[in-house]
Amino acid sequence: MKNYNIPLREAAKFLGITAETLRNYNVKKKISYKIIGNKAFYNKEDLDEYLQTTSKIIERA
């Protein structure tokens, strides 16, 4: 079972994007997350995987 313990602002900082951009990614389902209470939380492995995927796209360009 994945551990979703990274809050939105911390996840956005880790990814190098704004919190608003990460919220947009949530809507577009680009990164998995869980809502706990009324806040979004992220899994470290999912964030790492997203960074690896986007870095491969950048390398190809």
PDB file of N, CA and C in Angstrom:
ATOM      1  N   MET A   1       0.840  -1.184   0.000  1.00  0.00           N
ATOM      2  CA  MET A   1       0.000   0.000   0.000  1.00  0.00           C
ATOM      3  C   MET A   1       0.884   1.247   0.000  1.00  0.00           C
ATOM      4  N   LYS A   2       0.574   2.171  -0.892  1.00  0.00           N
ATOM      5  CA  LYS A   2       1.364   3.392  -1.002  1.00  0.00           C
ATOM      6  C   LYS A   2       1.094   4.328   0.166  1.00  0.00           C
ATOM      7  N   ASN A   3       2.124   5.085   0.520  1.00  0.00           N
ATOM      8  CA  ASN A   3       2.019   6.057   1.593  1.00  0.00           C
ATOM      9  C   ASN A   3       1.920   7.456   0.989  1.00  0.00           C
ATOM     10  N   TYR A   4       0.758   8.044   1.066  1.00  0.00           N
ATOM     11  CA  TYR A   4       0.529   9.392   0.550  1.00  0.00           C
ATOM     12  C   TYR A   4       0.687  10.376   1.701  1.00  0.00           C
ATOM     13  N   ASN A   5       1.895  10.895   1.882  1.00  0.00           N
ATOM     14  CA  ASN A   5       2.161  11.737   3.041  1.00  0.00           C
ATOM     15  C   ASN A   5       2.814  13.077   2.701  1.00  0.00           C
ATOM     16  N   ILE A   6       2.919  13.402   1.424  1.00  0.00           N
ATOM     17  CA  ILE A   6       3.539  14.667   1.027  1.00  0.00           C
ATOM     18  C   ILE A   6       2.433  15.648   0.635  1.00  0.00           C
ATOM     19  N   PRO A   7       2.310  16.759   1.372  1.00  0.00           N
ATOM     20  CA  PRO A   7       1.255  17.733   1.048  1.00  0.00           C
ATOM     21  C   PRO A   7       1.524  18.446  -0.274  1.00  0.00           C
ATOM     22  N   LEU A   8       0.487  19.043  -0.806  1.00  0.00           N
ATOM     23  CA  LEU A   8       0.528  19.662  -2.135  1.00  0.00           C
ATOM     24  C   LEU A   8       1.679  20.649  -2.296  1.00  0.00           C
ATOM     25  N   ARG A   9       1.825  21.596  -1.411  1.00  0.00           N
ATOM     26  CA  ARG A   9       2.873  22.620  -1.579  1.00  0.00           C
ATOM     27  C   ARG A   9       4.272  22.003  -1.549  1.00  0.00           C
ATOM     28  N   GLU A  10       4.478  21.029  -0.684  1.00  0.00           N
ATOM     29  CA  GLU A  10       5.779  20.358  -0.620  1.00  0.00           C
ATOM     30  C   GLU A  10       6.030  19.553  -1.895  1.00  0.00           C
ATOM     31  N   ALA A  11       4.998  18.897  -2.401  1.00  0.00           N
ATOM     32  CA  ALA A  11       5.125  18.128  -3.642  1.00  0.00           C
ATOM     33  C   ALA A  11       5.441  19.059  -4.818  1.00  0.00           C
ATOM     34  N   ALA A  12       4.763  20.203  -4.865  1.00  0.00           N
ATOM     35  CA  ALA A  12       5.011  21.171  -5.942  1.00  0.00           C
ATOM     36  C   ALA A  12       6.454  21.668  -5.885  1.00  0.00           C
ATOM     37  N   LYS A  13       6.928  21.975  -4.700  1.00  0.00           N
ATOM     38  CA  LYS A  13       8.315  22.435  -4.551  1.00  0.00           C
ATOM     39  C   LYS A  13       9.292  21.351  -5.005  1.00  0.00           C
ATOM     40  N   PHE A  14       9.029  20.105  -4.628  1.00  0.00           N
ATOM     41  CA  PHE A  14       9.871  18.975  -5.023  1.00  0.00           C
ATOM     42  C   PHE A  14       9.930  18.851  -6.549  1.00  0.00           C
ATOM     43  N   LEU A  15       8.787  19.076  -7.211  1.00  0.00           N
ATOM     44  CA  LEU A  15       8.723  18.956  -8.666  1.00  0.00           C
ATOM     45  C   LEU A  15       9.227  20.202  -9.394  1.00  0.00           C
ATOM     46  N   GLY A  16       9.405  21.303  -8.648  1.00  0.00           N
ATOM     47  CA  GLY A  16       9.865  22.537  -9.273  1.00  0.00           C
ATOM     48  C   GLY A  16       8.772  23.266 -10.026  1.00  0.00           C
ATOM     49  N   ILE A  17       7.534  23.105  -9.569  1.00  0.00           N
ATOM     50  CA  ILE A  17       6.394  23.772 -10.193  1.00  0.00           C
ATOM     51  C   ILE A  17       5.601  24.497  -9.104  1.00  0.00           C
ATOM     52  N   THR A  18       4.644  25.309  -9.514  1.00  0.00           N
ATOM     53  CA  THR A  18       3.821  26.005  -8.534  1.00  0.00           C
ATOM     54  C   THR A  18       2.718  25.077  -8.028  1.00  0.00           C
ATOM     55  N   ALA A  19       2.157  25.441  -6.890  1.00  0.00           N
ATOM     56  CA  ALA A  19       1.037  24.674  -6.341  1.00  0.00           C
ATOM     57  C   ALA A  19      -0.146  24.705  -7.310  1.00  0.00           C
ATOM     58  N   GLU A  20      -0.360  25.831  -7.957  1.00  0.00           N
ATOM     59  CA  GLU A  20      -1.460  25.946  -8.919  1.00  0.00           C
ATOM     60  C   GLU A  20      -1.262  24.989 -10.098  1.00  0.00           C
ATOM     61  N   THR A  21      -0.040  24.888 -10.601  1.00  0.00           N
ATOM     62  CA  THR A  21       0.242  23.957 -11.685  1.00  0.00           C
ATOM     63  C   THR A  21      -0.025  22.526 -11.241  1.00  0.00           C
ATOM     64  N   LEU A  22       0.378  22.191 -10.036  1.00  0.00           N
ATOM     65  CA  LEU A  22       0.133  20.834  -9.540  1.00  0.00           C
ATOM     66  C   LEU A  22      -1.365  20.572  -9.399  1.00  0.00           C
ATOM     67  N   ARG A  23      -2.123  21.562  -8.970  1.00  0.00           N
ATOM     68  CA  ARG A  23      -3.587  21.400  -8.916  1.00  0.00           C
ATOM     69  C   ARG A  23      -4.140  21.124 -10.310  1.00  0.00           C
ATOM     70  N   ASN A  24      -3.610  21.828 -11.318  1.00  0.00           N
ATOM     71  CA  ASN A  24      -4.035  21.577 -12.704  1.00  0.00           C
ATOM     72  C   ASN A  24      -3.680  20.155 -13.130  1.00  0.00           C
ATOM     73  N   TYR A  25      -2.510  19.678 -12.730  1.00  0.00           N
ATOM     74  CA  TYR A  25      -2.124  18.296 -13.033  1.00  0.00           C
ATOM     75  C   TYR A  25      -3.084  17.322 -12.385  1.00  0.00           C
ATOM     76  N   ASN A  26      -3.569  17.650 -11.185  1.00  0.00           N
ATOM     77  CA  ASN A  26      -4.542  16.788 -10.517  1.00  0.00           C
ATOM     78  C   ASN A  26      -5.796  16.645 -11.375  1.00  0.00           C
ATOM     79  N   VAL A  27      -6.287  17.778 -11.873  1.00  0.00           N
ATOM     80  CA  VAL A  27      -7.492  17.776 -12.696  1.00  0.00           C
ATOM     81  C   VAL A  27      -7.262  16.947 -13.967  1.00  0.00           C
ATOM     82  N   LYS A  28      -6.070  17.075 -14.543  1.00  0.00           N
ATOM     83  CA  LYS A  28      -5.735  16.349 -15.773  1.00  0.00           C
ATOM     84  C   LYS A  28      -5.259  14.921 -15.508  1.00  0.00           C
ATOM     85  N   LYS A  29      -5.187  14.541 -14.224  1.00  0.00           N
ATOM     86  CA  LYS A  29      -4.773  13.198 -13.794  1.00  0.00           C
ATOM     87  C   LYS A  29      -3.371  12.837 -14.275  1.00  0.00           C
ATOM     88  N   LYS A  30      -2.465  13.805 -14.232  1.00  0.00           N
ATOM     89  CA  LYS A  30      -1.082  13.565 -14.629  1.00  0.00           C
ATOM     90  C   LYS A  30      -0.275  12.914 -13.512  1.00  0.00           C
ATOM     91  N   ILE A  31      -0.648  13.162 -12.266  1.00  0.00           N
ATOM     92  CA  ILE A  31       0.057  12.611 -11.103  1.00  0.00           C
ATOM     93  C   ILE A  31      -0.999  12.073 -10.141  1.00  0.00           C
ATOM     94  N   SER A  32      -0.775  10.871  -9.627  1.00  0.00           N
ATOM     95  CA  SER A  32      -1.755  10.324  -8.689  1.00  0.00           C
ATOM     96  C   SER A  32      -1.624  11.004  -7.329  1.00  0.00           C
ATOM     97  N   TYR A  33      -2.744  11.094  -6.647  1.00  0.00           N
ATOM     98  CA  TYR A  33      -2.791  11.734  -5.333  1.00  0.00           C
ATOM     99  C   TYR A  33      -3.991  11.199  -4.582  1.00  0.00           C
ATOM    100  N   LYS A  34      -4.043  11.477  -3.304  1.00  0.00           N
ATOM    101  CA  LYS A  34      -5.182  11.102  -2.469  1.00  0.00           C
ATOM    102  C   LYS A  34      -5.675  12.355  -1.757  1.00  0.00           C
ATOM    103  N   ILE A  35      -6.967  12.445  -1.602  1.00  0.00           N
ATOM    104  CA  ILE A  35      -7.558  13.510  -0.802  1.00  0.00           C
ATOM    105  C   ILE A  35      -7.765  12.953   0.604  1.00  0.00           C
ATOM    106  N   ILE A  36      -7.172  13.611   1.571  1.00  0.00           N
ATOM    107  CA  ILE A  36      -7.328  13.237   2.969  1.00  0.00           C
ATOM    108  C   ILE A  36      -7.890  14.459   3.673  1.00  0.00           C
ATOM    109  N   GLY A  37      -9.085  14.312   4.217  1.00  0.00           N
ATOM    110  CA  GLY A  37      -9.799  15.487   4.710  1.00  0.00           C
ATOM    111  C   GLY A  37     -10.210  16.295   3.494  1.00  0.00           C
ATOM    112  N   ASN A  38      -9.698  17.485   3.375  1.00  0.00           N
ATOM    113  CA  ASN A  38      -9.964  18.287   2.173  1.00  0.00           C
ATOM    114  C   ASN A  38      -8.661  18.712   1.493  1.00  0.00           C
ATOM    115  N   LYS A  39      -7.584  17.962   1.738  1.00  0.00           N
ATOM    116  CA  LYS A  39      -6.277  18.312   1.188  1.00  0.00           C
ATOM    117  C   LYS A  39      -5.708  17.169   0.357  1.00  0.00           C
ATOM    118  N   ALA A  40      -4.934  17.540  -0.663  1.00  0.00           N
ATOM    119  CA  ALA A  40      -4.295  16.559  -1.528  1.00  0.00           C
ATOM    120  C   ALA A  40      -2.930  16.174  -0.969  1.00  0.00           C
ATOM    121  N   PHE A  41      -2.646  14.875  -1.016  1.00  0.00           N
ATOM    122  CA  PHE A  41      -1.355  14.346  -0.587  1.00  0.00           C
ATOM    123  C   PHE A  41      -0.808  13.431  -1.673  1.00  0.00           C
ATOM    124  N   TYR A  42       0.534  13.365  -1.745  1.00  0.00           N
ATOM    125  CA  TYR A  42       1.215  12.670  -2.824  1.00  0.00           C
ATOM    126  C   TYR A  42       2.168  11.623  -2.276  1.00  0.00           C
ATOM    127  N   ASN A  43       2.486  10.673  -3.133  1.00  0.00           N
ATOM    128  CA  ASN A  43       3.411   9.596  -2.810  1.00  0.00           C
ATOM    129  C   ASN A  43       4.774   9.918  -3.419  1.00  0.00           C
ATOM    130  N   LYS A  44       5.833   9.764  -2.656  1.00  0.00           N
ATOM    131  CA  LYS A  44       7.195  10.094  -3.104  1.00  0.00           C
ATOM    132  C   LYS A  44       7.581   9.325  -4.368  1.00  0.00           C
ATOM    133  N   GLU A  45       7.274   8.038  -4.412  1.00  0.00           N
ATOM    134  CA  GLU A  45       7.632   7.230  -5.585  1.00  0.00           C
ATOM    135  C   GLU A  45       6.903   7.725  -6.839  1.00  0.00           C
ATOM    136  N   ASP A  46       5.643   8.141  -6.680  1.00  0.00           N
ATOM    137  CA  ASP A  46       4.896   8.676  -7.821  1.00  0.00           C
ATOM    138  C   ASP A  46       5.515   9.979  -8.324  1.00  0.00           C
ATOM    139  N   LEU A  47       5.959  10.818  -7.395  1.00  0.00           N
ATOM    140  CA  LEU A  47       6.605  12.074  -7.788  1.00  0.00           C
ATOM    141  C   LEU A  47       7.924  11.801  -8.506  1.00  0.00           C
ATOM    142  N   ASP A  48       8.710  10.855  -7.989  1.00  0.00           N
ATOM    143  CA  ASP A  48       9.969  10.481  -8.647  1.00  0.00           C
ATOM    144  C   ASP A  48       9.714   9.941 -10.050  1.00  0.00           C
ATOM    145  N   GLU A  49       8.702   9.106 -10.181  1.00  0.00           N
ATOM    146  CA  GLU A  49       8.360   8.528 -11.484  1.00  0.00           C
ATOM    147  C   GLU A  49       7.949   9.622 -12.474  1.00  0.00           C
ATOM    148  N   TYR A  50       7.173  10.587 -11.991  1.00  0.00           N
ATOM    149  CA  TYR A  50       6.767  11.689 -12.862  1.00  0.00           C
ATOM    150  C   TYR A  50       7.985  12.480 -13.333  1.00  0.00           C
ATOM    151  N   LEU A  51       8.914  12.758 -12.423  1.00  0.00           N
ATOM    152  CA  LEU A  51      10.129  13.482 -12.805  1.00  0.00           C
ATOM    153  C   LEU A  51      10.939  12.710 -13.836  1.00  0.00           C
ATOM    154  N   GLN A  52      11.050  11.409 -13.670  1.00  0.00           N
ATOM    155  CA  GLN A  52      11.787  10.591 -14.637  1.00  0.00           C
ATOM    156  C   GLN A  52      11.110  10.632 -15.997  1.00  0.00           C
ATOM    157  N   THR A  53       9.802  10.540 -16.014  1.00  0.00           N
ATOM    158  CA  THR A  53       9.047  10.561 -17.265  1.00  0.00           C
ATOM    159  C   THR A  53       9.210  11.903 -17.974  1.00  0.00           C
ATOM    160  N   THR A  54       9.082  12.996 -17.231  1.00  0.00           N
ATOM    161  CA  THR A  54       9.190  14.308 -17.867  1.00  0.00           C
ATOM    162  C   THR A  54      10.617  14.604 -18.301  1.00  0.00           C
ATOM    163  N   SER A  55      11.605  14.103 -17.568  1.00  0.00           N
ATOM    164  CA  SER A  55      12.992  14.344 -17.983  1.00  0.00           C
ATOM    165  C   SER A  55      13.304  13.601 -19.269  1.00  0.00           C
ATOM    166  N   LYS A  56      12.713  12.442 -19.487  1.00  0.00           N
ATOM    167  CA  LYS A  56      12.914  11.706 -20.738  1.00  0.00           C
ATOM    168  C   LYS A  56      12.300  12.450 -21.909  1.00  0.00           C
ATOM    169  N   ILE A  57      11.147  13.079 -21.681  1.00  0.00           N
ATOM    170  CA  ILE A  57      10.505  13.859 -22.739  1.00  0.00           C
ATOM    171  C   ILE A  57      11.368  15.054 -23.094  1.00  0.00           C
ATOM    172  N   ILE A  58      11.927  15.720 -22.104  1.00  0.00           N
ATOM    173  CA  ILE A  58      12.781  16.886 -22.332  1.00  0.00           C
ATOM    174  C   ILE A  58      14.047  16.484 -23.080  1.00  0.00           C
ATOM    175  N   GLU A  59      14.628  15.333 -22.725  1.00  0.00           N
ATOM    176  CA  GLU A  59      15.839  14.870 -23.397  1.00  0.00           C
ATOM    177  C   GLU A  59      15.600  14.599 -24.868  1.00  0.00           C
ATOM    178  N   ARG A  60      14.412  14.133 -25.230  1.00  0.00           N
ATOM    179  CA  ARG A  60      14.082  13.812 -26.619  1.00  0.00           C
ATOM    180  C   ARG A  60      13.874  15.061 -27.454  1.00  0.00           C
ATOM    181  N   ALA A  61      13.479  16.146 -26.834  1.00  0.00           N
ATOM    182  CA  ALA A  61      13.152  17.376 -27.581  1.00  0.00           C
ATOM    183  C   ALA A  61      14.396  18.039 -28.138  1.00  0.00           C
TER     184      ALA A  61
END
